[in-house]
PDB file of N, CA and C in Angstrom:
ATOM      1  N   MET A   1      19.722 -23.380   5.470  1.00  0.00           N
ATOM      2  CA  MET A   1      19.250 -22.202   4.757  1.00  0.00           C
ATOM      3  C   MET A   1      19.739 -20.962   5.500  1.00  0.00           C
ATOM      4  N   GLN A   2      20.244 -19.984   4.738  1.00  0.00           N
ATOM      5  CA  GLN A   2      20.779 -18.766   5.348  1.00  0.00           C
ATOM      6  C   GLN A   2      20.074 -17.571   4.733  1.00  0.00           C
ATOM      7  N   GLY A   3      19.434 -16.743   5.541  1.00  0.00           N
ATOM      8  CA  GLY A   3      18.764 -15.560   5.022  1.00  0.00           C
ATOM      9  C   GLY A   3      17.644 -15.883   4.048  1.00  0.00           C
ATOM     10  N   GLY A   4      17.052 -17.072   4.162  1.00  0.00           N
ATOM     11  CA  GLY A   4      15.963 -17.443   3.271  1.00  0.00           C
ATOM     12  C   GLY A   4      16.417 -17.935   1.909  1.00  0.00           C
ATOM     13  N   LEU A   5      17.720 -18.072   1.697  1.00  0.00           N
ATOM     14  CA  LEU A   5      18.229 -18.530   0.411  1.00  0.00           C
ATOM     15  C   LEU A   5      18.924 -19.874   0.582  1.00  0.00           C
ATOM     16  N   TRP A   6      18.767 -20.738  -0.425  1.00  0.00           N
ATOM     17  CA  TRP A   6      19.482 -22.008  -0.416  1.00  0.00           C
ATOM     18  C   TRP A   6      20.920 -21.759  -0.818  1.00  0.00           C
ATOM     19  N   ILE A   7      21.831 -22.429  -0.193  1.00  0.00           N
ATOM     20  CA  ILE A   7      23.246 -22.323  -0.518  1.00  0.00           C
ATOM     21  C   ILE A   7      23.685 -23.648  -1.120  1.00  0.00           C
ATOM     22  N   THR A   8      24.343 -23.582  -2.265  1.00  0.00           N
ATOM     23  CA  THR A   8      24.851 -24.775  -2.914  1.00  0.00           C
ATOM     24  C   THR A   8      26.330 -24.918  -2.600  1.00  0.00           C
ATOM     25  N   VAL A   9      26.722 -26.118  -2.244  1.00  0.00           N
ATOM     26  CA  VAL A   9      28.118 -26.414  -1.972  1.00  0.00           C
ATOM     27  C   VAL A   9      28.628 -27.304  -3.099  1.00  0.00           C
ATOM     28  N   VAL A  10      29.781 -26.932  -3.665  1.00  0.00           N
ATOM     29  CA  VAL A  10      30.376 -27.685  -4.756  1.00  0.00           C
ATOM     30  C   VAL A  10      31.754 -28.157  -4.317  1.00  0.00           C
ATOM     31  N   SER A  11      32.044 -29.425  -4.546  1.00  0.00           N
ATOM     32  CA  SER A  11      33.375 -29.959  -4.243  1.00  0.00           C
ATOM     33  C   SER A  11      34.221 -29.932  -5.504  1.00  0.00           C
ATOM     34  N   VAL A  12      35.476 -29.553  -5.352  1.00  0.00           N
ATOM     35  CA  VAL A  12      36.405 -29.523  -6.477  1.00  0.00           C
ATOM     36  C   VAL A  12      37.626 -30.348  -6.092  1.00  0.00           C
ATOM     37  N   ARG A  13      37.970 -31.305  -6.933  1.00  0.00           N
ATOM     38  CA  ARG A  13      39.154 -32.118  -6.673  1.00  0.00           C
ATOM     39  C   ARG A  13      40.371 -31.426  -7.268  1.00  0.00           C
ATOM     40  N   LEU A  14      41.393 -31.262  -6.448  1.00  0.00           N
ATOM     41  CA  LEU A  14      42.631 -30.614  -6.872  1.00  0.00           C
ATOM     42  C   LEU A  14      43.805 -31.542  -6.593  1.00  0.00           C
ATOM     43  N   ASN A  15      44.778 -31.528  -7.512  1.00  0.00           N
ATOM     44  CA  ASN A  15      46.010 -32.234  -7.177  1.00  0.00           C
ATOM     45  C   ASN A  15      46.837 -31.311  -6.281  1.00  0.00           C
ATOM     46  N   LYS A  16      47.946 -31.806  -5.776  1.00  0.00           N
ATOM     47  CA  LYS A  16      48.748 -31.033  -4.814  1.00  0.00           C
ATOM     48  C   LYS A  16      49.262 -29.727  -5.417  1.00  0.00           C
ATOM     49  N   GLU A  17      49.678 -29.745  -6.683  1.00  0.00           N
ATOM     50  CA  GLU A  17      50.185 -28.533  -7.328  1.00  0.00           C
ATOM     51  C   GLU A  17      49.088 -27.483  -7.474  1.00  0.00           C
ATOM     52  N   GLU A  18      47.898 -27.921  -7.873  1.00  0.00           N
ATOM     53  CA  GLU A  18      46.773 -26.988  -8.013  1.00  0.00           C
ATOM     54  C   GLU A  18      46.395 -26.398  -6.664  1.00  0.00           C
ATOM     55  N   GLU A  19      46.352 -27.259  -5.656  1.00  0.00           N
ATOM     56  CA  GLU A  19      46.014 -26.797  -4.306  1.00  0.00           C
ATOM     57  C   GLU A  19      47.036 -25.772  -3.814  1.00  0.00           C
ATOM     58  N   LYS A  20      48.313 -26.059  -4.032  1.00  0.00           N
ATOM     59  CA  LYS A  20      49.372 -25.148  -3.600  1.00  0.00           C
ATOM     60  C   LYS A  20      49.259 -23.808  -4.324  1.00  0.00           C
ATOM     61  N   ALA A  21      49.021 -23.837  -5.628  1.00  0.00           N
ATOM     62  CA  ALA A  21      48.905 -22.604  -6.413  1.00  0.00           C
ATOM     63  C   ALA A  21      47.703 -21.777  -5.966  1.00  0.00           C
ATOM     64  N   ILE A  22      46.571 -22.432  -5.786  1.00  0.00           N
ATOM     65  CA  ILE A  22      45.349 -21.718  -5.400  1.00  0.00           C
ATOM     66  C   ILE A  22      45.470 -21.163  -3.985  1.00  0.00           C
ATOM     67  N   ASN A  23      45.955 -21.973  -3.065  1.00  0.00           N
ATOM     68  CA  ASN A  23      46.127 -21.491  -1.689  1.00  0.00           C
ATOM     69  C   ASN A  23      47.157 -20.369  -1.617  1.00  0.00           C
ATOM     70  N   GLY A  24      48.222 -20.477  -2.397  1.00  0.00           N
ATOM     71  CA  GLY A  24      49.227 -19.419  -2.432  1.00  0.00           C
ATOM     72  C   GLY A  24      48.657 -18.117  -2.949  1.00  0.00           C
ATOM     73  N   TYR A  25      47.846 -18.218  -3.997  1.00  0.00           N
ATOM     74  CA  TYR A  25      47.227 -17.015  -4.555  1.00  0.00           C
ATOM     75  C   TYR A  25      46.231 -16.413  -3.571  1.00  0.00           C
ATOM     76  N   ALA A  26      45.488 -17.274  -2.884  1.00  0.00           N
ATOM     77  CA  ALA A  26      44.535 -16.790  -1.879  1.00  0.00           C
ATOM     78  C   ALA A  26      45.271 -16.045  -0.771  1.00  0.00           C
ATOM     79  N   THR A  27      46.386 -16.588  -0.335  1.00  0.00           N
ATOM     80  CA  THR A  27      47.190 -15.933   0.698  1.00  0.00           C
ATOM     81  C   THR A  27      47.730 -14.601   0.189  1.00  0.00           C
ATOM     82  N   LEU A  28      48.233 -14.603  -1.040  1.00  0.00           N
ATOM     83  CA  LEU A  28      48.794 -13.394  -1.636  1.00  0.00           C
ATOM     84  C   LEU A  28      47.763 -12.275  -1.731  1.00  0.00           C
ATOM     85  N   THR A  29      46.535 -12.633  -2.114  1.00  0.00           N
ATOM     86  CA  THR A  29      45.490 -11.625  -2.305  1.00  0.00           C
ATOM     87  C   THR A  29      44.695 -11.344  -1.038  1.00  0.00           C
ATOM     88  N   GLY A  30      44.837 -12.216  -0.039  1.00  0.00           N
ATOM     89  CA  GLY A  30      44.085 -12.036   1.194  1.00  0.00           C
ATOM     90  C   GLY A  30      42.609 -12.365   1.046  1.00  0.00           C
ATOM     91  N   GLN A  31      42.287 -13.183   0.057  1.00  0.00           N
ATOM     92  CA  GLN A  31      40.892 -13.560  -0.178  1.00  0.00           C
ATOM     93  C   GLN A  31      40.708 -15.050   0.096  1.00  0.00           C
ATOM     94  N   PRO A  32      39.522 -15.439   0.534  1.00  0.00           N
ATOM     95  CA  PRO A  32      39.252 -16.861   0.735  1.00  0.00           C
ATOM     96  C   PRO A  32      39.262 -17.611  -0.602  1.00  0.00           C
ATOM     97  N   VAL A  33      39.689 -18.862  -0.557  1.00  0.00           N
ATOM     98  CA  VAL A  33      39.728 -19.691  -1.766  1.00  0.00           C
ATOM     99  C   VAL A  33      38.354 -19.755  -2.420  1.00  0.00           C
ATOM    100  N   THR A  34      37.306 -19.906  -1.621  1.00  0.00           N
ATOM    101  CA  THR A  34      35.961 -20.007  -2.197  1.00  0.00           C
ATOM    102  C   THR A  34      35.608 -18.763  -2.998  1.00  0.00           C
ATOM    103  N   GLN A  35      35.969 -17.595  -2.476  1.00  0.00           N
ATOM    104  CA  GLN A  35      35.677 -16.346  -3.186  1.00  0.00           C
ATOM    105  C   GLN A  35      36.469 -16.279  -4.491  1.00  0.00           C
ATOM    106  N   LEU A  36      37.744 -16.660  -4.454  1.00  0.00           N
ATOM    107  CA  LEU A  36      38.572 -16.633  -5.661  1.00  0.00           C
ATOM    108  C   LEU A  36      38.026 -17.566  -6.740  1.00  0.00           C
ATOM    109  N   LEU A  37      37.665 -18.785  -6.345  1.00  0.00           N
ATOM    110  CA  LEU A  37      37.145 -19.751  -7.313  1.00  0.00           C
ATOM    111  C   LEU A  37      35.816 -19.288  -7.898  1.00  0.00           C
ATOM    112  N   LYS A  38      34.954 -18.764  -7.044  1.00  0.00           N
ATOM    113  CA  LYS A  38      33.654 -18.273  -7.507  1.00  0.00           C
ATOM    114  C   LYS A  38      33.836 -17.113  -8.481  1.00  0.00           C
ATOM    115  N   GLN A  39      34.698 -16.155  -8.141  1.00  0.00           N
ATOM    116  CA  GLN A  39      34.949 -15.013  -9.023  1.00  0.00           C
ATOM    117  C   GLN A  39      35.543 -15.465 -10.355  1.00  0.00           C
ATOM    118  N   ALA A  40      36.484 -16.406 -10.299  1.00  0.00           N
ATOM    119  CA  ALA A  40      37.123 -16.886 -11.530  1.00  0.00           C
ATOM    120  C   ALA A  40      36.113 -17.572 -12.442  1.00  0.00           C
ATOM    121  N   LEU A  41      35.243 -18.386 -11.876  1.00  0.00           N
ATOM    122  CA  LEU A  41      34.243 -19.078 -12.684  1.00  0.00           C
ATOM    123  C   LEU A  41      33.238 -18.101 -13.274  1.00  0.00           C
ATOM    124  N   LEU A  42      32.767 -17.160 -12.475  1.00  0.00           N
ATOM    125  CA  LEU A  42      31.813 -16.173 -12.986  1.00  0.00           C
ATOM    126  C   LEU A  42      32.448 -15.297 -14.064  1.00  0.00           C
ATOM    127  N   ARG A  43      33.729 -14.965 -13.907  1.00  0.00           N
ATOM    128  CA  ARG A  43      34.449 -14.182 -14.917  1.00  0.00           C
ATOM    129  C   ARG A  43      34.561 -14.985 -16.223  1.00  0.00           C
ATOM    130  N   GLU A  44      34.840 -16.274 -16.102  1.00  0.00           N
ATOM    131  CA  GLU A  44      34.930 -17.154 -17.274  1.00  0.00           C
ATOM    132  C   GLU A  44      33.588 -17.225 -18.003  1.00  0.00           C
ATOM    133  N   ILE A  45      32.506 -17.353 -17.247  1.00  0.00           N
ATOM    134  CA  ILE A  45      31.168 -17.387 -17.851  1.00  0.00           C
ATOM    135  C   ILE A  45      30.880 -16.071 -18.563  1.00  0.00           C
ATOM    136  N   GLU A  46      31.179 -14.948 -17.904  1.00  0.00           N
ATOM    137  CA  GLU A  46      30.948 -13.636 -18.507  1.00  0.00           C
ATOM    138  C   GLU A  46      31.767 -13.465 -19.786  1.00  0.00           C
ATOM    139  N   ASP A  47      33.023 -13.911 -19.756  1.00  0.00           N
ATOM    140  CA  ASP A  47      33.872 -13.811 -20.945  1.00  0.00           C
ATOM    141  C   ASP A  47      33.299 -14.627 -22.101  1.00  0.00           C
ATOM    142  N   LYS A  48      32.805 -15.822 -21.809  1.00  0.00           N
ATOM    143  CA  LYS A  48      32.227 -16.684 -22.845  1.00  0.00           C
ATOM    144  C   LYS A  48      30.976 -16.043 -23.430  1.00  0.00           C
ATOM    145  N   VAL A  49      30.126 -15.483 -22.583  1.00  0.00           N
ATOM    146  CA  VAL A  49      28.917 -14.806 -23.056  1.00  0.00           C
ATOM    147  C   VAL A  49      29.294 -13.607 -23.919  1.00  0.00           C
ATOM    148  N   ASP A  50      30.254 -12.801 -23.457  1.00  0.00           N
ATOM    149  CA  ASP A  50      30.711 -11.642 -24.233  1.00  0.00           C
ATOM    150  C   ASP A  50      31.266 -12.070 -25.588  1.00  0.00           C
ATOM    151  N   TYR A  51      32.056 -13.138 -25.607  1.00  0.00           N
ATOM    152  CA  TYR A  51      32.632 -13.647 -26.847  1.00  0.00           C
ATOM    153  C   TYR A  51      31.526 -14.074 -27.811  1.00  0.00           C
ATOM    154  N   THR A  52      30.552 -14.809 -27.299  1.00  0.00           N
ATOM    155  CA  THR A  52      29.447 -15.286 -28.133  1.00  0.00           C
ATOM    156  C   THR A  52      28.662 -14.115 -28.709  1.00  0.00           C
ATOM    157  N   ILE A  53      28.386 -13.108 -27.898  1.00  0.00           N
ATOM    158  CA  ILE A  53      27.678 -11.917 -28.377  1.00  0.00           C
ATOM    159  C   ILE A  53      28.508 -11.212 -29.447  1.00  0.00           C
ATOM    160  N   GLY A  54      29.816 -11.126 -29.236  1.00  0.00           N
ATOM    161  CA  GLY A  54      30.696 -10.490 -30.212  1.00  0.00           C
ATOM    162  C   GLY A  54      30.713 -11.220 -31.541  1.00  0.00           C
ATOM    163  N   VAL A  55      30.778 -12.542 -31.500  1.00  0.00           N
ATOM    164  CA  VAL A  55      30.761 -13.345 -32.727  1.00  0.00           C
ATOM    165  C   VAL A  55      29.438 -13.153 -33.459  1.00  0.00           C
ATOM    166  N   GLU A  56      28.334 -13.162 -32.718  1.00  0.00           N
ATOM    167  CA  GLU A  56      27.023 -12.951 -33.338  1.00  0.00           C
ATOM    168  C   GLU A  56      26.929 -11.561 -33.961  1.00  0.00           C
ATOM    169  N   ALA A  57      27.466 -10.552 -33.279  1.00  0.00           N
ATOM    170  CA  ALA A  57      27.444  -9.188 -33.812  1.00  0.00           C
ATOM    171  C   ALA A  57      28.283  -9.093 -35.076  1.00  0.00           C
ATOM    172  N   LEU A  58      29.427  -9.756 -35.094  1.00  0.00           N
ATOM    173  CA  LEU A  58      30.280  -9.748 -36.286  1.00  0.00           C
ATOM    174  C   LEU A  58      29.574 -10.413 -37.460  1.00  0.00           C
ATOM    175  N   GLU A  59      28.910 -11.527 -37.214  1.00  0.00           N
ATOM    176  CA  GLU A  59      28.164 -12.212 -38.273  1.00  0.00           C
ATOM    177  C   GLU A  59      27.036 -11.322 -38.799  1.00  0.00           C
ATOM    178  N   GLU A  60      26.358 -10.637 -37.897  1.00  0.00           N
ATOM    179  CA  GLU A  60      25.287  -9.721 -38.296  1.00  0.00           C
ATOM    180  C   GLU A  60      25.861  -8.572 -39.123  1.00  0.00           C
ATOM    181  N   HIS A  61      27.013  -8.068 -38.723  1.00  0.00           N
ATOM    182  CA  HIS A  61      27.657  -6.977 -39.459  1.00  0.00           C
ATOM    183  C   HIS A  61      28.070  -7.433 -40.860  1.00  0.00           C
ATOM    184  N   LYS A  62      28.496  -8.684 -40.981  1.00  0.00           N
ATOM    185  CA  LYS A  62      28.867  -9.212 -42.299  1.00  0.00           C
ATOM    186  C   LYS A  62      27.654  -9.250 -43.227  1.00  0.00           C
ATOM    187  N   LYS A  63      26.474  -9.514 -42.666  1.00  0.00           N
ATOM    188  CA  LYS A  63      25.245  -9.550 -43.466  1.00  0.00           C
ATOM    189  C   LYS A  63      24.815  -8.147 -43.872  1.00  0.00           C
ATOM    190  N   ASP A  64      24.995  -7.184 -42.971  1.00  0.00           N
ATOM    191  CA  ASP A  64      24.607  -5.794 -43.233  1.00  0.00           C
ATOM    192  C   ASP A  64      25.707  -4.888 -42.688  1.00  0.00           C
ATOM    193  N   PRO A  65      26.721  -4.581 -43.514  1.00  0.00           N
ATOM    194  CA  PRO A  65      27.891  -3.849 -43.024  1.00  0.00           C
ATOM    195  C   PRO A  65      27.710  -2.339 -42.861  1.00  0.00           C
ATOM    196  N   GLN A  66      26.484  -1.856 -42.933  1.00  0.00           N
ATOM    197  CA  GLN A  66      26.266  -0.418 -42.781  1.00  0.00           C
ATOM    198  C   GLN A  66      26.636   0.009 -41.363  1.00  0.00           C
ATOM    199  N   THR A  67      27.390   1.095 -41.266  1.00  0.00           N
ATOM    200  CA  THR A  67      27.783   1.631 -39.963  1.00  0.00           C
ATOM    201  C   THR A  67      27.393   3.097 -39.871  1.00  0.00           C
ATOM    202  N   PHE A  68      27.397   3.625 -38.661  1.00  0.00           N
ATOM    203  CA  PHE A  68      27.030   5.012 -38.415  1.00  0.00           C
ATOM    204  C   PHE A  68      28.062   5.634 -37.495  1.00  0.00           C
ATOM    205  N   THR A  69      28.340   6.910 -37.690  1.00  0.00           N
ATOM    206  CA  THR A  69      29.229   7.631 -36.783  1.00  0.00           C
ATOM    207  C   THR A  69      28.452   8.002 -35.525  1.00  0.00           C
ATOM    208  N   ILE A  70      29.179   8.377 -34.491  1.00  0.00           N
ATOM    209  CA  ILE A  70      28.527   8.830 -33.258  1.00  0.00           C
ATOM    210  C   ILE A  70      27.671  10.054 -33.548  1.00  0.00           C
ATOM    211  N   ALA A  71      28.177  10.945 -34.375  1.00  0.00           N
ATOM    212  CA  ALA A  71      27.426  12.156 -34.717  1.00  0.00           C
ATOM    213  C   ALA A  71      26.117  11.812 -35.417  1.00  0.00           C
ATOM    214  N   GLU A  72      26.139  10.832 -36.310  1.00  0.00           N
ATOM    215  CA  GLU A  72      24.913  10.427 -37.011  1.00  0.00           C
ATOM    216  C   GLU A  72      23.894   9.839 -36.042  1.00  0.00           C
ATOM    217  N   VAL A  73      24.354   9.008 -35.129  1.00  0.00           N
ATOM    218  CA  VAL A  73      23.452   8.403 -34.144  1.00  0.00           C
ATOM    219  C   VAL A  73      22.884   9.479 -33.223  1.00  0.00           C
ATOM    220  N   ALA A  74      23.726  10.394 -32.768  1.00  0.00           N
ATOM    221  CA  ALA A  74      23.265  11.477 -31.896  1.00  0.00           C
ATOM    222  C   ALA A  74      22.220  12.327 -32.599  1.00  0.00           C
ATOM    223  N   GLU A  75      22.469  12.642 -33.856  1.00  0.00           N
ATOM    224  CA  GLU A  75      21.501  13.448 -34.612  1.00  0.00           C
ATOM    225  C   GLU A  75      20.178  12.701 -34.756  1.00  0.00           C
ATOM    226  N   GLU A  76      20.244  11.414 -35.064  1.00  0.00           N
ATOM    227  CA  GLU A  76      19.033  10.592 -35.216  1.00  0.00           C
ATOM    228  C   GLU A  76      18.227  10.554 -33.915  1.00  0.00           C
ATOM    229  N   LEU A  77      18.934  10.551 -32.788  1.00  0.00           N
ATOM    230  CA  LEU A  77      18.272  10.489 -31.483  1.00  0.00           C
ATOM    231  C   LEU A  77      17.960  11.865 -30.904  1.00  0.00           C
ATOM    232  N   GLY A  78      18.347  12.914 -31.616  1.00  0.00           N
ATOM    233  CA  GLY A  78      18.082  14.262 -31.143  1.00  0.00           C
ATOM    234  C   GLY A  78      18.965  14.682 -29.986  1.00  0.00           C
ATOM    235  N   ILE A  79      20.179  14.165 -29.946  1.00  0.00           N
ATOM    236  CA  ILE A  79      21.110  14.489 -28.866  1.00  0.00           C
ATOM    237  C   ILE A  79      22.121  15.510 -29.373  1.00  0.00           C
ATOM    238  N   ASP A  80      22.300  16.577 -28.595  1.00  0.00           N
ATOM    239  CA  ASP A  80      23.285  17.602 -28.934  1.00  0.00           C
ATOM    240  C   ASP A  80      24.603  17.226 -28.263  1.00  0.00           C
ATOM    241  N   LEU A  81      25.560  16.744 -29.051  1.00  0.00           N
ATOM    242  CA  LEU A  81      26.834  16.303 -28.490  1.00  0.00           C
ATOM    243  C   LEU A  81      27.608  17.438 -27.835  1.00  0.00           C
ATOM    244  N   CYS A  82      27.449  18.644 -28.319  1.00  0.00           N
ATOM    245  CA  CYS A  82      28.149  19.792 -27.724  1.00  0.00           C
ATOM    246  C   CYS A  82      27.653  20.069 -26.308  1.00  0.00           C
ATOM    247  N   ALA A  83      26.394  19.751 -26.033  1.00  0.00           N
ATOM    248  CA  ALA A  83      25.812  20.019 -24.721  1.00  0.00           C
ATOM    249  C   ALA A  83      26.229  18.971 -23.689  1.00  0.00           C
ATOM    250  N   ILE A  84      26.766  17.857 -24.156  1.00  0.00           N
ATOM    251  CA  ILE A  84      27.116  16.767 -23.244  1.00  0.00           C
ATOM    252  C   ILE A  84      28.397  17.054 -22.479  1.00  0.00           C
ATOM    253  N   GLY A  85      29.315  17.728 -23.066  1.00  0.00           N
ATOM    254  CA  GLY A  85      30.479  17.981 -22.254  1.00  0.00           C
ATOM    255  C   GLY A  85      31.655  18.290 -23.033  1.00  0.00           C
TER     256      GLY A  85
END
């Protein structure tokens, strides 16, 4: 345990080509392999979540295609766009 938090260790099996590519990229970027793999996986998860939200929003828009301009939304919320900048 480090700093009161549990640390999970995950093993990943790589063939020689994958290992060479990943290690080469780590060397090129100056980052540890573990950091690169963790960032890549978290980015993939975020992309999938964003995609799913986008698909759901598109389906919702198909059901109710009404849209509003920025000016209409600002007026509804009582925001003076000229005062913003």
